[in-house]
Amino acid sequence: MYTYLIDGYNELSPLSDLEINFLPDLMNAIELLFLTYWNSVGNVEESEKAKRLAMWIFKEKFYLR
C-alpha cells in the first residue's frame, strides 16, 4: 500500500496533497518505462513483472482517492 511510502517521504520532507495524489500516477509512469525497456531488450520475464505491477498500481490508485 502507498501509506508506507507516503509516511517515509513525509518524515524527510512533508508532501502536499497534490503530490500525494500524483504519486500513484508517477509510480505507474515509472513502471511503464521499465515495461518499455524490458520489451526493447527482449526480456519477457521482467516485462511481465513490470506489466503486472503497472496494472496493480493503476487499480490500487482508485482506492486512495
C-alpha atoms as a PDB file:
ATOM      1  CA  MET A   1       0.000   0.000   0.000  1.00  0.00           C
ATOM      2  CA  TYR A   2       1.110   3.560  -0.602  1.00  0.00           C
ATOM      3  CA  THR A   3       0.737   4.665   3.010  1.00  0.00           C
ATOM      4  CA  TYR A   4       4.190   3.363   3.981  1.00  0.00           C
ATOM      5  CA  LEU A   5       5.780   5.147   1.041  1.00  0.00           C
ATOM      6  CA  ILE A   6       3.965   8.388   1.822  1.00  0.00           C
ATOM      7  CA  ASP A   7       4.850   8.155   5.530  1.00  0.00           C
ATOM      8  CA  GLY A   8       8.504   7.627   4.666  1.00  0.00           C
ATOM      9  CA  TYR A   9       8.632  10.637   2.387  1.00  0.00           C
ATOM     10  CA  ASN A  10       6.769  12.771   4.904  1.00  0.00           C
ATOM     11  CA  GLU A  11       9.420  12.041   7.543  1.00  0.00           C
ATOM     12  CA  LEU A  12      12.085  13.613   5.317  1.00  0.00           C
ATOM     13  CA  SER A  13      10.058  16.304   3.602  1.00  0.00           C
ATOM     14  CA  PRO A  14       6.314  16.792   4.004  1.00  0.00           C
ATOM     15  CA  LEU A  15       4.316  16.176   0.839  1.00  0.00           C
ATOM     16  CA  SER A  16       1.466  18.383  -0.294  1.00  0.00           C
ATOM     17  CA  ASP A  17      -1.944  16.883  -1.041  1.00  0.00           C
ATOM     18  CA  LEU A  18      -1.252  17.420  -4.742  1.00  0.00           C
ATOM     19  CA  GLU A  19       1.991  15.433  -4.506  1.00  0.00           C
ATOM     20  CA  ILE A  20       0.298  12.644  -2.572  1.00  0.00           C
ATOM     21  CA  ASN A  21      -2.487  12.417  -5.154  1.00  0.00           C
ATOM     22  CA  PHE A  22       0.005  12.359  -8.032  1.00  0.00           C
ATOM     23  CA  LEU A  23       2.257   9.681  -6.513  1.00  0.00           C
ATOM     24  CA  PRO A  24       0.375   6.643  -7.938  1.00  0.00           C
ATOM     25  CA  ASP A  25       0.487   8.163 -11.432  1.00  0.00           C
ATOM     26  CA  LEU A  26       4.207   8.820 -11.094  1.00  0.00           C
ATOM     27  CA  MET A  27       4.848   5.271  -9.914  1.00  0.00           C
ATOM     28  CA  ASN A  28       2.790   3.908 -12.806  1.00  0.00           C
ATOM     29  CA  ALA A  29       4.739   6.023 -15.304  1.00  0.00           C
ATOM     30  CA  ILE A  30       7.994   4.621 -13.927  1.00  0.00           C
ATOM     31  CA  GLU A  31       6.727   1.050 -14.297  1.00  0.00           C
ATOM     32  CA  LEU A  32       5.651   1.762 -17.870  1.00  0.00           C
ATOM     33  CA  LEU A  33       9.196   2.961 -18.584  1.00  0.00           C
ATOM     34  CA  PHE A  34      10.521  -0.330 -17.186  1.00  0.00           C
ATOM     35  CA  LEU A  35       7.996  -2.242 -19.265  1.00  0.00           C
ATOM     36  CA  THR A  36       9.113  -0.418 -22.410  1.00  0.00           C
ATOM     37  CA  TYR A  37      12.768  -1.028 -21.631  1.00  0.00           C
ATOM     38  CA  TRP A  38      12.372  -4.743 -20.906  1.00  0.00           C
ATOM     39  CA  ASN A  39      10.333  -5.143 -24.098  1.00  0.00           C
ATOM     40  CA  SER A  40      13.039  -3.375 -26.115  1.00  0.00           C
ATOM     41  CA  VAL A  41      15.751  -5.755 -24.891  1.00  0.00           C
ATOM     42  CA  GLY A  42      13.538  -8.834 -25.252  1.00  0.00           C
ATOM     43  CA  ASN A  43      13.358  -9.763 -21.572  1.00  0.00           C
ATOM     44  CA  VAL A  44       9.866 -11.248 -21.418  1.00  0.00           C
ATOM     45  CA  GLU A  45      10.013 -12.250 -17.745  1.00  0.00           C
ATOM     46  CA  GLU A  46      10.903  -8.775 -16.475  1.00  0.00           C
ATOM     47  CA  SER A  47       8.485  -7.211 -18.933  1.00  0.00           C
ATOM     48  CA  GLU A  48       5.632  -9.269 -17.495  1.00  0.00           C
ATOM     49  CA  LYS A  49       6.615  -8.304 -13.945  1.00  0.00           C
ATOM     50  CA  ALA A  50       6.564  -4.625 -14.858  1.00  0.00           C
ATOM     51  CA  LYS A  51       3.217  -5.060 -16.615  1.00  0.00           C
ATOM     52  CA  ARG A  52       1.641  -6.752 -13.594  1.00  0.00           C
ATOM     53  CA  LEU A  53       2.949  -4.076 -11.241  1.00  0.00           C
ATOM     54  CA  ALA A  54       1.760  -1.248 -13.517  1.00  0.00           C
ATOM     55  CA  MET A  55      -1.697  -2.819 -13.673  1.00  0.00           C
ATOM     56  CA  TRP A  56      -1.782  -3.237  -9.868  1.00  0.00           C
ATOM     57  CA  ILE A  57      -0.743   0.378  -9.305  1.00  0.00           C
ATOM     58  CA  PHE A  58      -3.396   1.582 -11.759  1.00  0.00           C
ATOM     59  CA  LYS A  59      -6.136  -0.398  -9.987  1.00  0.00           C
ATOM     60  CA  GLU A  60      -4.990   0.473  -6.451  1.00  0.00           C
ATOM     61  CA  LYS A  61      -4.829   4.224  -7.006  1.00  0.00           C
ATOM     62  CA  PHE A  62      -8.608   4.444  -7.115  1.00  0.00           C
ATOM     63  CA  TYR A  63      -8.794   3.138  -3.556  1.00  0.00           C
ATOM     64  CA  LEU A  64      -6.635   6.018  -2.327  1.00  0.00           C
ATOM     65  CA  ARG A  65      -8.709   8.875  -3.701  1.00  0.00           C
END
